[in-house]
Amino acid sequence: MRSPLAPYVASLVGYDVDLGGPGVHRGLPSTTLTFVLPVGEPLDVAWYGRPESRSRRWSTLSGLHVGPAEIHHDGTQTGVQLALTTAGARALLGLPASALAGELVELEDVAPWLRDLPQRLAESTPVDRVPLVERALLATLARHDGRGPRHEVGRALDRLRCGAGVQQVADEVGFSRRRLSDLVRAECGLAPKQVQRLGRFEASRALLGRLPLAEVALRCRFADQAHLAREWAQLAGCSPTTWLREEFPFLQDLDGADPAGSVP
């Protein structure tokens, strides 16, 4: 049976990872809002290049953004991470995703009825953490009417995330380009072109390490491999191969032959 959370939560996973020693993890931008509930140690996070934004939090919710975050860690990380859709922001938090664009906030700032969730997670067993969060989110659905953005805006966002052109999407949903821009900004806090960029970037991230970079660029609608590299430099703060070496240091010859199947 399809979960009632499906339209609002794109992913919900527990994590317990050993990163081999202290360091800084690169949190990449995406088309969803990121919601992290750490266990054991608070999450030490900041926007890349903005040290004044750094803080240790027991819950972190980040709105849509077009640059990376820096997660400082001592070598291990444990907790639960969720990806909320723009519809999920309205249904679970009672506000449009635009209210959180470019922000790093805590649960009590936007959803005080969930402020005890970090403590409940700390007192739970690892196997119970994901079900506990699911139950808390299902309970909070009743607090709001669950309505998402108007149908045309939701459809436009979906098409932009899939890489469709801004004018093409405007024509499909029956808005002028300016009207589409106003509605998309009001809903998610980003311009249509930025949503399109994030969708293309997200698609390329899923293929890195599985295909040669030139093929990734072609499949994800970049003009060429150089365009792919420029977008990664702007959105991730590094090249695709640098990110792969950071995340999967066992990969070899990243600029050469196809290492398909080597990324779990």
Protein backbone atom coordinates (compact mmCIF):
# COMPACT_ATOMS: atom_id res chain seq x y z
CA MET A 1 0.00 0.00 0.00
CA ARG A 2 1.29 3.46 -0.89
CA SER A 3 2.29 5.45 2.18
CA PRO A 4 0.34 8.66 2.88
CA LEU A 5 3.78 10.32 3.17
CA ALA A 6 4.74 9.46 -0.41
CA PRO A 7 3.82 12.83 -1.98
CA TYR A 8 5.68 14.70 0.75
CA VAL A 9 8.79 12.67 1.60
CA ALA A 10 11.03 11.68 -1.31
CA SER A 11 13.31 9.62 0.93
CA LEU A 12 13.59 8.69 4.60
CA VAL A 13 16.68 6.76 5.67
CA GLY A 14 18.58 5.92 8.79
CA TYR A 15 22.36 6.22 8.60
CA ASP A 16 25.28 5.02 10.69
CA VAL A 17 28.53 5.59 8.82
CA ASP A 18 32.23 5.43 9.63
CA LEU A 19 34.05 8.04 7.55
CA GLY A 20 37.52 6.92 8.58
CA GLY A 21 38.45 10.01 10.57
CA PRO A 22 37.52 13.64 11.19
CA GLY A 23 36.78 15.77 8.17
CA VAL A 24 34.25 17.86 6.27
CA HIS A 25 31.48 16.27 4.22
CA ARG A 26 30.09 18.17 1.24
CA GLY A 27 26.30 18.52 1.33
CA LEU A 28 25.13 19.02 -2.23
CA PRO A 29 22.10 21.03 -3.34
CA SER A 30 19.04 19.18 -4.60
CA THR A 31 15.45 19.69 -5.67
CA THR A 32 14.19 18.70 -2.20
CA LEU A 33 14.50 20.18 1.28
CA THR A 34 16.94 18.31 3.51
CA PHE A 35 15.88 17.39 7.04
CA VAL A 36 18.51 15.79 9.30
CA LEU A 37 18.01 14.36 12.79
CA PRO A 38 21.42 13.35 14.19
CA VAL A 39 21.87 10.90 17.05
CA GLY A 40 24.79 10.87 19.46
CA GLU A 41 26.32 14.19 18.39
CA PRO A 42 24.66 17.33 17.00
CA LEU A 43 25.13 18.10 13.33
CA ASP A 44 27.89 20.67 12.80
CA VAL A 45 26.86 22.38 9.57
CA ALA A 46 27.38 25.61 7.66
CA TRP A 47 26.94 26.95 4.14
CA TYR A 48 30.10 26.64 2.06
CA GLY A 49 32.20 29.80 2.35
CA ARG A 50 29.97 31.27 5.07
CA PRO A 51 31.56 30.45 8.43
CA GLU A 52 29.11 32.76 10.23
CA SER A 53 26.33 30.29 9.38
CA ARG A 54 28.05 27.41 11.20
CA SER A 55 26.21 25.91 14.15
CA ARG A 56 25.76 22.60 15.98
CA ARG A 57 22.13 21.49 15.87
CA TRP A 58 20.10 18.50 17.05
CA SER A 59 17.79 19.02 14.08
CA THR A 60 18.60 20.77 10.82
CA LEU A 61 16.21 21.69 8.03
CA SER A 62 17.68 23.31 4.94
CA GLY A 63 15.57 24.93 2.25
CA LEU A 64 16.32 24.79 -1.45
CA HIS A 65 19.69 26.36 -2.24
CA VAL A 66 22.13 26.60 -5.12
CA GLY A 67 25.39 25.94 -3.30
CA PRO A 68 26.90 23.26 -1.07
CA ALA A 69 26.87 22.91 2.70
CA GLU A 70 29.80 21.84 4.86
CA ILE A 71 29.17 19.16 7.47
CA HIS A 72 32.03 18.91 9.97
CA HIS A 73 32.35 15.51 11.63
CA ASP A 74 34.60 13.51 13.94
CA GLY A 75 34.70 10.45 11.69
CA THR A 76 31.29 8.94 12.39
CA GLN A 77 27.74 10.09 11.74
CA THR A 78 24.48 8.56 12.94
CA GLY A 79 20.87 9.61 12.61
CA VAL A 80 17.92 9.88 10.24
CA GLN A 81 17.79 11.98 7.08
CA LEU A 82 14.76 12.95 5.02
CA ALA A 83 14.21 14.66 1.70
CA LEU A 84 11.01 16.72 1.76
CA THR A 85 9.27 17.72 -1.45
CA THR A 86 7.93 21.24 -1.93
CA ALA A 87 4.47 19.80 -1.30
CA GLY A 88 5.89 18.26 1.88
CA ALA A 89 6.87 21.68 3.19
CA ARG A 90 3.22 22.74 3.07
CA ALA A 91 1.76 19.45 4.32
CA LEU A 92 4.21 18.82 7.17
CA LEU A 93 5.41 22.29 8.12
CA GLY A 94 2.44 24.39 7.10
CA LEU A 95 4.45 26.80 4.97
CA PRO A 96 5.69 27.07 1.39
CA ALA A 97 9.22 25.91 0.65
CA SER A 98 10.03 29.49 -0.33
CA ALA A 99 9.95 30.45 3.36
CA LEU A 100 13.02 28.27 3.92
CA ALA A 101 14.98 28.89 0.70
CA GLY A 102 18.67 29.32 1.48
CA GLU A 103 18.08 28.85 5.23
CA LEU A 104 19.42 26.46 7.85
CA VAL A 105 16.92 26.19 10.71
CA GLU A 106 15.97 23.91 13.57
CA LEU A 107 12.71 22.07 14.06
CA GLU A 108 11.53 24.35 16.84
CA ASP A 109 11.83 27.31 14.46
CA VAL A 110 9.28 25.95 12.00
CA ALA A 111 7.57 22.93 13.59
CA PRO A 112 7.51 23.34 17.37
CA TRP A 113 5.08 20.42 17.69
CA LEU A 114 8.00 18.19 16.64
CA ARG A 115 10.57 19.72 18.98
CA ASP A 116 10.77 16.56 21.10
CA LEU A 117 11.60 14.33 18.13
CA PRO A 118 15.41 14.54 18.57
CA GLN A 119 15.10 13.43 22.21
CA ARG A 120 12.75 10.59 21.29
CA LEU A 121 15.26 9.43 18.67
CA ALA A 122 18.08 9.54 21.22
CA GLU A 123 16.10 7.24 23.49
CA SER A 124 15.14 4.77 20.74
CA THR A 125 16.98 1.76 19.37
CA PRO A 126 18.53 1.94 15.88
CA VAL A 127 15.85 -0.29 14.38
CA ASP A 128 13.08 1.93 15.75
CA ARG A 129 14.40 5.28 14.49
CA VAL A 130 12.90 5.36 10.99
CA PRO A 131 9.46 4.03 12.10
CA LEU A 132 9.45 6.59 14.92
CA VAL A 133 10.01 9.46 12.47
CA GLU A 134 7.39 8.06 10.10
CA ARG A 135 4.79 7.96 12.88
CA ALA A 136 5.63 11.51 13.93
CA LEU A 137 5.21 12.79 10.38
CA LEU A 138 1.97 10.91 9.84
CA ALA A 139 0.61 12.46 13.03
CA THR A 140 1.57 15.96 11.92
CA LEU A 141 -0.27 15.62 8.59
CA ALA A 142 -3.47 16.17 10.53
CA ARG A 143 -2.27 19.61 11.65
CA HIS A 144 -2.45 21.04 8.12
CA ASP A 145 -4.87 20.69 5.24
CA GLY A 146 -2.30 18.81 3.13
CA ARG A 147 -2.92 20.97 0.09
CA GLY A 148 0.08 21.48 -2.11
CA PRO A 149 0.70 24.23 -4.63
CA ARG A 150 -1.91 24.77 -7.32
CA HIS A 151 -1.88 22.00 -9.88
CA GLU A 152 -0.23 24.03 -12.64
CA VAL A 153 2.62 25.09 -10.36
CA GLY A 154 3.21 21.57 -9.13
CA ARG A 155 3.27 20.31 -12.70
CA ALA A 156 5.65 23.10 -13.73
CA LEU A 157 8.03 22.24 -10.90
CA ASP A 158 8.01 18.57 -11.88
CA ARG A 159 8.78 19.41 -15.51
CA LEU A 160 11.55 21.84 -14.58
CA ARG A 161 13.16 19.25 -12.31
CA CYS A 162 13.18 16.87 -15.27
CA GLY A 163 15.15 19.39 -17.31
CA ALA A 164 12.43 20.87 -19.52
CA GLY A 165 13.08 24.41 -20.77
CA VAL A 166 11.48 27.35 -18.99
CA GLN A 167 9.56 28.62 -22.04
CA GLN A 168 8.45 25.08 -22.88
CA VAL A 169 7.08 24.60 -19.37
CA ALA A 170 5.34 28.00 -19.43
CA ASP A 171 3.62 27.02 -22.67
CA GLU A 172 2.60 23.62 -21.31
CA VAL A 173 0.93 25.01 -18.18
CA GLY A 174 -0.56 28.05 -19.92
CA PHE A 175 1.34 30.84 -18.15
CA SER A 176 3.47 33.63 -19.48
CA ARG A 177 7.14 33.21 -18.68
CA ARG A 178 6.95 36.07 -16.17
CA ARG A 179 3.86 34.64 -14.46
CA LEU A 180 5.52 31.22 -14.24
CA SER A 181 8.59 32.81 -12.66
CA ASP A 182 6.49 34.64 -10.06
CA LEU A 183 4.54 31.51 -9.10
CA VAL A 184 7.59 29.24 -8.93
CA ARG A 185 9.51 31.74 -6.79
CA ALA A 186 6.54 32.12 -4.47
CA GLU A 187 6.33 28.35 -4.04
CA CYS A 188 9.96 27.27 -3.69
CA GLY A 189 12.05 30.44 -3.42
CA LEU A 190 14.03 29.84 -6.61
CA ALA A 191 13.64 31.01 -10.19
CA PRO A 192 12.49 28.43 -12.76
CA LYS A 193 15.97 28.38 -14.32
CA GLN A 194 17.49 27.55 -10.93
CA VAL A 195 15.03 24.69 -10.41
CA GLN A 196 15.94 23.38 -13.85
CA ARG A 197 19.67 23.62 -13.01
CA LEU A 198 19.18 21.71 -9.76
CA GLY A 199 17.21 18.98 -11.52
CA ARG A 200 19.91 18.56 -14.14
CA PHE A 201 22.64 18.60 -11.47
CA GLU A 202 20.78 16.02 -9.37
CA ALA A 203 20.40 13.74 -12.39
CA SER A 204 24.12 13.98 -13.15
CA ARG A 205 25.03 13.17 -9.56
CA ALA A 206 23.12 9.90 -9.81
CA LEU A 207 25.13 8.86 -12.88
CA LEU A 208 28.64 9.91 -11.84
CA GLY A 209 30.96 6.93 -11.53
CA ARG A 210 28.67 4.80 -13.66
CA LEU A 211 29.26 6.44 -17.03
CA PRO A 212 32.01 8.53 -18.64
CA LEU A 213 31.57 12.24 -17.95
CA ALA A 214 30.83 13.03 -21.59
CA GLU A 215 27.96 10.52 -21.53
CA VAL A 216 26.65 11.92 -18.24
CA ALA A 217 26.64 15.42 -19.78
CA LEU A 218 24.72 14.18 -22.82
CA ARG A 219 22.12 12.22 -20.87
CA CYS A 220 21.48 15.04 -18.39
CA ARG A 221 21.04 17.75 -21.05
CA PHE A 222 24.23 19.69 -20.48
CA ALA A 223 25.63 21.39 -23.58
CA ASP A 224 28.84 19.38 -23.25
CA GLN A 225 31.28 18.03 -20.66
CA ALA A 226 32.75 21.49 -20.05
CA HIS A 227 29.25 22.77 -19.21
CA LEU A 228 28.83 19.89 -16.75
CA ALA A 229 32.13 20.81 -15.08
CA ARG A 230 31.18 24.50 -14.80
CA GLU A 231 27.83 23.69 -13.22
CA TRP A 232 29.48 21.38 -10.69
CA ALA A 233 32.03 24.04 -9.81
CA GLN A 234 29.21 26.51 -9.11
CA LEU A 235 26.70 24.21 -7.42
CA ALA A 236 29.01 21.79 -5.58
CA GLY A 237 32.13 23.90 -5.16
CA CYS A 238 34.22 21.19 -6.83
CA SER A 239 34.56 19.16 -10.02
CA PRO A 240 32.62 15.92 -10.53
CA THR A 241 35.80 13.87 -10.20
CA THR A 242 36.78 15.63 -6.97
CA TRP A 243 33.39 14.82 -5.50
CA LEU A 244 33.69 11.19 -6.52
CA ARG A 245 37.14 10.93 -4.94
CA GLU A 246 35.79 12.45 -1.73
CA GLU A 247 32.74 10.18 -1.58
CA PHE A 248 34.16 7.00 -3.13
CA PRO A 249 37.96 7.10 -2.80
CA PHE A 250 38.25 3.50 -3.97
CA LEU A 251 37.19 4.43 -7.50
CA GLN A 252 40.02 4.43 -10.04
CA ASP A 253 40.52 6.24 -13.35
CA LEU A 254 37.51 8.48 -12.90
CA ASP A 255 38.28 10.52 -16.00
CA GLY A 256 38.78 7.48 -18.18
CA ALA A 257 36.95 4.22 -18.75
CA ASP A 258 33.46 3.58 -17.50
CA PRO A 259 33.55 2.32 -13.90
CA ALA A 260 29.91 1.23 -14.15
CA GLY A 261 28.62 -0.69 -11.18
CA SER A 262 31.37 0.48 -8.83
CA VAL A 263 29.13 2.90 -6.92
CA PRO A 264 26.84 1.11 -4.49
